[in-house]
């Protein structure tokens, strides 16, 4: 009988170990997930920025074009022609806030390259696409004319970035 009790006790201990090790204490849970998919934003230049004809003196200076297309600069500079602010249309998801940023550019021609910088836009402090997903805005900025800038035609680029 003594051996039978040892055998039964050993069997109970072994079975308890087996039961405990089979994962009867495990539990399953459900996780939640979600996603918001946004279409890629596209941007189109509708009107190229044009400072028009600028007559400068030998000292150099900064010429500014506003988002409305008005050109101004140092005393002694004169402006003519048909200046135009840059105009763009961004297209993406409807009624979505975006950011607008710029990368400086330059104009090159017969003389030293001139820097384009200090860009502005008229899309407001929190630009948002309309109900169709479009946002039209104008761009102004500065053209840094070098001292003794050579006369002639200059052209170049700058980068406009629109992002959700």
C-alpha atoms as a PDB file:
ATOM      1  CA  UNK A   1       0.000   0.000   0.000  1.00  0.00           C
ATOM      2  CA  UNK A   2       2.851   2.301   0.811  1.00  0.00           C
ATOM      3  CA  UNK A   3       4.246   1.828  -2.699  1.00  0.00           C
ATOM      4  CA  UNK A   4       0.793   2.367  -4.198  1.00  0.00           C
ATOM      5  CA  UNK A   5       0.477   5.757  -2.445  1.00  0.00           C
ATOM      6  CA  UNK A   6       3.895   6.800  -3.694  1.00  0.00           C
ATOM      7  CA  UNK A   7       2.899   5.783  -7.201  1.00  0.00           C
ATOM      8  CA  UNK A   8      -0.413   7.700  -7.019  1.00  0.00           C
ATOM      9  CA  UNK A   9       1.275  10.795  -5.543  1.00  0.00           C
ATOM     10  CA  UNK A  10       3.942  10.689  -8.235  1.00  0.00           C
ATOM     11  CA  UNK A  11       1.267  10.359 -10.939  1.00  0.00           C
ATOM     12  CA  UNK A  12      -0.713  13.333  -9.576  1.00  0.00           C
ATOM     13  CA  UNK A  13       2.404  15.524  -9.433  1.00  0.00           C
ATOM     14  CA  UNK A  14       3.413  14.498 -12.952  1.00  0.00           C
ATOM     15  CA  UNK A  15      -0.072  15.104 -14.320  1.00  0.00           C
ATOM     16  CA  UNK A  16      -0.226  18.517 -12.627  1.00  0.00           C
ATOM     17  CA  UNK A  17       3.036  19.447 -14.300  1.00  0.00           C
ATOM     18  CA  UNK A  18       1.729  18.285 -17.658  1.00  0.00           C
ATOM     19  CA  UNK A  19      -1.517  20.223 -17.273  1.00  0.00           C
ATOM     20  CA  UNK A  20       0.299  23.370 -16.193  1.00  0.00           C
ATOM     21  CA  UNK A  21       2.731  23.167 -19.053  1.00  0.00           C
ATOM     22  CA  UNK A  22       0.067  22.763 -21.749  1.00  0.00           C
ATOM     23  CA  UNK A  23      -0.923  26.442 -21.610  1.00  0.00           C
ATOM     24  CA  UNK A  24      -4.243  26.233 -19.830  1.00  0.00           C
ATOM     25  CA  UNK A  25      -3.453  29.646 -18.354  1.00  0.00           C
ATOM     26  CA  UNK A  26      -3.185  31.332 -21.798  1.00  0.00           C
ATOM     27  CA  UNK A  27      -5.713  33.877 -23.071  1.00  0.00           C
ATOM     28  CA  UNK A  28      -6.396  35.433 -26.486  1.00  0.00           C
ATOM     29  CA  UNK A  29      -7.197  39.074 -27.118  1.00  0.00           C
ATOM     30  CA  UNK A  30      -8.363  41.040 -30.128  1.00  0.00           C
ATOM     31  CA  UNK A  31      -6.377  44.016 -31.432  1.00  0.00           C
ATOM     32  CA  UNK A  32      -7.855  46.893 -33.418  1.00  0.00           C
ATOM     33  CA  UNK A  33      -6.331  48.557 -36.480  1.00  0.00           C
ATOM     34  CA  UNK A  34      -7.217  51.400 -38.833  1.00  0.00           C
ATOM     35  CA  UNK A  35      -5.750  53.331 -41.751  1.00  0.00           C
ATOM     36  CA  UNK A  36      -6.432  56.570 -43.581  1.00  0.00           C
ATOM     37  CA  UNK A  37      -5.256  56.417 -47.194  1.00  0.00           C
ATOM     38  CA  UNK A  38      -4.532  59.719 -48.917  1.00  0.00           C
ATOM     39  CA  UNK A  39      -4.025  60.141 -52.617  1.00  0.00           C
ATOM     40  CA  UNK A  40      -0.753  61.641 -53.771  1.00  0.00           C
ATOM     41  CA  UNK A  41      -0.727  65.409 -54.144  1.00  0.00           C
ATOM     42  CA  UNK A  42       0.013  66.811 -57.570  1.00  0.00           C
ATOM     43  CA  UNK A  43       1.036  70.387 -58.250  1.00  0.00           C
ATOM     44  CA  UNK A  44       0.807  72.326 -61.494  1.00  0.00           C
ATOM     45  CA  UNK A  45       2.352  75.679 -62.344  1.00  0.00           C
ATOM     46  CA  UNK A  46      -0.403  77.791 -63.915  1.00  0.00           C
ATOM     47  CA  UNK A  47       1.657  80.988 -64.349  1.00  0.00           C
ATOM     48  CA  UNK A  48       5.444  81.391 -64.242  1.00  0.00           C
ATOM     49  CA  UNK A  49       6.846  84.040 -61.908  1.00  0.00           C
ATOM     50  CA  UNK A  50       7.989  87.005 -64.008  1.00  0.00           C
ATOM     51  CA  UNK A  51       9.706  90.073 -62.569  1.00  0.00           C
ATOM     52  CA  UNK A  52       9.170  91.912 -65.877  1.00  0.00           C
ATOM     53  CA  UNK A  53      11.759  94.364 -67.135  1.00  0.00           C
ATOM     54  CA  UNK A  54      13.932  95.779 -64.386  1.00  0.00           C
ATOM     55  CA  UNK A  55      16.330  98.658 -64.959  1.00  0.00           C
ATOM     56  CA  UNK A  56      18.948  98.617 -62.185  1.00  0.00           C
ATOM     57  CA  UNK A  57      21.810 100.794 -61.056  1.00  0.00           C
ATOM     58  CA  UNK A  58      25.332  99.508 -60.423  1.00  0.00           C
ATOM     59  CA  UNK A  59      24.872  98.995 -56.665  1.00  0.00           C
ATOM     60  CA  UNK A  60      22.677  95.885 -56.717  1.00  0.00           C
ATOM     61  CA  UNK A  61      19.719  95.239 -54.461  1.00  0.00           C
ATOM     62  CA  UNK A  62      16.645  93.138 -53.844  1.00  0.00           C
ATOM     63  CA  UNK A  63      13.604  93.209 -56.123  1.00  0.00           C
ATOM     64  CA  UNK A  64      10.372  91.874 -54.610  1.00  0.00           C
ATOM     65  CA  UNK A  65       7.301  90.570 -56.399  1.00  0.00           C
ATOM     66  CA  UNK A  66       4.145  90.268 -54.301  1.00  0.00           C
ATOM     67  CA  UNK A  67       1.599  87.473 -54.554  1.00  0.00           C
ATOM     68  CA  UNK A  68      -0.541  89.995 -56.466  1.00  0.00           C
ATOM     69  CA  UNK A  69       2.249  90.566 -59.038  1.00  0.00           C
ATOM     70  CA  UNK A  70       3.367  94.026 -57.891  1.00  0.00           C
ATOM     71  CA  UNK A  71       7.122  94.594 -58.264  1.00  0.00           C
ATOM     72  CA  UNK A  72       9.182  96.885 -56.032  1.00  0.00           C
ATOM     73  CA  UNK A  73      12.843  97.486 -55.368  1.00  0.00           C
ATOM     74  CA  UNK A  74      15.533  99.961 -54.350  1.00  0.00           C
ATOM     75  CA  UNK A  75      15.350 103.634 -55.213  1.00  0.00           C
ATOM     76  CA  UNK A  76      16.771 104.149 -58.689  1.00  0.00           C
ATOM     77  CA  UNK A  77      15.329 100.894 -60.061  1.00  0.00           C
ATOM     78  CA  UNK A  78      12.525 101.165 -62.623  1.00  0.00           C
ATOM     79  CA  UNK A  79      10.067  98.476 -63.623  1.00  0.00           C
ATOM     80  CA  UNK A  80       8.083  97.876 -66.805  1.00  0.00           C
ATOM     81  CA  UNK A  81       6.649  95.034 -68.833  1.00  0.00           C
ATOM     82  CA  UNK A  82       4.100  92.556 -67.566  1.00  0.00           C
ATOM     83  CA  UNK A  83       5.235  91.187 -64.205  1.00  0.00           C
ATOM     84  CA  UNK A  84       3.339  88.207 -62.784  1.00  0.00           C
ATOM     85  CA  UNK A  85       3.371  86.322 -59.518  1.00  0.00           C
ATOM     86  CA  UNK A  86       3.789  82.569 -59.782  1.00  0.00           C
ATOM     87  CA  UNK A  87       0.459  80.734 -59.736  1.00  0.00           C
ATOM     88  CA  UNK A  88      -0.026  77.078 -58.808  1.00  0.00           C
ATOM     89  CA  UNK A  89      -2.810  74.555 -58.317  1.00  0.00           C
ATOM     90  CA  UNK A  90      -2.328  71.638 -55.947  1.00  0.00           C
ATOM     91  CA  UNK A  91      -4.704  68.675 -56.177  1.00  0.00           C
ATOM     92  CA  UNK A  92      -5.200  65.988 -53.549  1.00  0.00           C
ATOM     93  CA  UNK A  93      -7.790  64.835 -51.031  1.00  0.00           C
ATOM     94  CA  UNK A  94     -10.824  67.069 -50.517  1.00  0.00           C
ATOM     95  CA  UNK A  95     -11.009  69.443 -47.546  1.00  0.00           C
ATOM     96  CA  UNK A  96      -7.558  68.512 -46.239  1.00  0.00           C
ATOM     97  CA  UNK A  97      -5.023  70.795 -44.553  1.00  0.00           C
ATOM     98  CA  UNK A  98      -1.656  71.082 -46.306  1.00  0.00           C
ATOM     99  CA  UNK A  99       1.661  72.826 -45.818  1.00  0.00           C
ATOM    100  CA  UNK A 100       3.387  74.858 -48.510  1.00  0.00           C
ATOM    101  CA  UNK A 101       7.155  75.305 -48.492  1.00  0.00           C
ATOM    102  CA  UNK A 102       9.813  76.518 -50.899  1.00  0.00           C
ATOM    103  CA  UNK A 103      13.397  75.831 -51.851  1.00  0.00           C
ATOM    104  CA  UNK A 104      15.492  78.767 -53.030  1.00  0.00           C
ATOM    105  CA  UNK A 105      16.315  78.985 -56.690  1.00  0.00           C
ATOM    106  CA  UNK A 106      18.337  81.129 -59.028  1.00  0.00           C
ATOM    107  CA  UNK A 107      18.129  82.884 -62.365  1.00  0.00           C
ATOM    108  CA  UNK A 108      21.023  82.455 -64.772  1.00  0.00           C
ATOM    109  CA  UNK A 109      21.872  84.382 -67.906  1.00  0.00           C
ATOM    110  CA  UNK A 110      24.678  86.427 -69.382  1.00  0.00           C
ATOM    111  CA  UNK A 111      25.942  87.653 -65.996  1.00  0.00           C
ATOM    112  CA  UNK A 112      26.332  86.319 -62.478  1.00  0.00           C
ATOM    113  CA  UNK A 113      23.449  84.126 -61.296  1.00  0.00           C
ATOM    114  CA  UNK A 114      20.837  85.874 -59.155  1.00  0.00           C
ATOM    115  CA  UNK A 115      19.251  84.205 -56.109  1.00  0.00           C
ATOM    116  CA  UNK A 116      15.486  83.735 -55.691  1.00  0.00           C
ATOM    117  CA  UNK A 117      14.411  83.489 -52.047  1.00  0.00           C
ATOM    118  CA  UNK A 118      12.048  84.706 -49.292  1.00  0.00           C
ATOM    119  CA  UNK A 119       8.990  83.200 -50.945  1.00  0.00           C
ATOM    120  CA  UNK A 120       5.441  83.974 -49.840  1.00  0.00           C
ATOM    121  CA  UNK A 121       2.054  82.531 -50.792  1.00  0.00           C
ATOM    122  CA  UNK A 122      -1.510  83.767 -50.502  1.00  0.00           C
ATOM    123  CA  UNK A 123      -3.117  80.485 -49.392  1.00  0.00           C
ATOM    124  CA  UNK A 124      -3.469  81.670 -45.792  1.00  0.00           C
ATOM    125  CA  UNK A 125      -2.049  80.501 -42.492  1.00  0.00           C
ATOM    126  CA  UNK A 126      -3.663  77.051 -42.655  1.00  0.00           C
ATOM    127  CA  UNK A 127      -4.026  76.207 -46.348  1.00  0.00           C
ATOM    128  CA  UNK A 128      -6.700  73.606 -47.076  1.00  0.00           C
ATOM    129  CA  UNK A 129      -7.857  71.959 -50.277  1.00  0.00           C
ATOM    130  CA  UNK A 130     -11.427  72.717 -51.309  1.00  0.00           C
ATOM    131  CA  UNK A 131     -14.314  70.230 -51.553  1.00  0.00           C
ATOM    132  CA  UNK A 132     -12.933  69.017 -54.892  1.00  0.00           C
ATOM    133  CA  UNK A 133      -9.414  68.550 -53.507  1.00  0.00           C
ATOM    134  CA  UNK A 134      -7.908  71.611 -55.221  1.00  0.00           C
ATOM    135  CA  UNK A 135      -5.960  74.544 -53.800  1.00  0.00           C
ATOM    136  CA  UNK A 136      -5.017  77.470 -56.042  1.00  0.00           C
ATOM    137  CA  UNK A 137      -2.447  79.941 -54.730  1.00  0.00           C
ATOM    138  CA  UNK A 138      -0.049  82.648 -55.892  1.00  0.00           C
ATOM    139  CA  UNK A 139       3.644  82.908 -55.049  1.00  0.00           C
ATOM    140  CA  UNK A 140       5.803  85.982 -54.581  1.00  0.00           C
ATOM    141  CA  UNK A 141       9.433  86.315 -53.600  1.00  0.00           C
ATOM    142  CA  UNK A 142      12.714  88.201 -53.806  1.00  0.00           C
ATOM    143  CA  UNK A 143      15.251  88.406 -56.612  1.00  0.00           C
ATOM    144  CA  UNK A 144      18.715  89.404 -55.381  1.00  0.00           C
ATOM    145  CA  UNK A 145      20.310  91.540 -58.109  1.00  0.00           C
ATOM    146  CA  UNK A 146      24.092  91.616 -57.896  1.00  0.00           C
ATOM    147  CA  UNK A 147      26.143  94.805 -58.090  1.00  0.00           C
ATOM    148  CA  UNK A 148      27.002  95.598 -61.731  1.00  0.00           C
ATOM    149  CA  UNK A 149      24.581  92.892 -62.949  1.00  0.00           C
ATOM    150  CA  UNK A 150      25.009  92.300 -66.686  1.00  0.00           C
ATOM    151  CA  UNK A 151      21.971  93.138 -68.806  1.00  0.00           C
ATOM    152  CA  UNK A 152      20.149  90.391 -70.674  1.00  0.00           C
ATOM    153  CA  UNK A 153      17.531  87.690 -70.245  1.00  0.00           C
ATOM    154  CA  UNK A 154      17.720  85.474 -67.149  1.00  0.00           C
ATOM    155  CA  UNK A 155      15.713  82.340 -66.362  1.00  0.00           C
ATOM    156  CA  UNK A 156      15.724  79.685 -63.685  1.00  0.00           C
ATOM    157  CA  UNK A 157      13.706  77.624 -61.257  1.00  0.00           C
ATOM    158  CA  UNK A 158      12.655  77.295 -57.649  1.00  0.00           C
ATOM    159  CA  UNK A 159      10.799  74.479 -55.890  1.00  0.00           C
ATOM    160  CA  UNK A 160       7.314  74.597 -54.386  1.00  0.00           C
ATOM    161  CA  UNK A 161       6.376  71.701 -52.092  1.00  0.00           C
ATOM    162  CA  UNK A 162       2.807  70.968 -50.992  1.00  0.00           C
ATOM    163  CA  UNK A 163       2.374  68.235 -48.379  1.00  0.00           C
ATOM    164  CA  UNK A 164      -0.419  66.821 -46.199  1.00  0.00           C
END
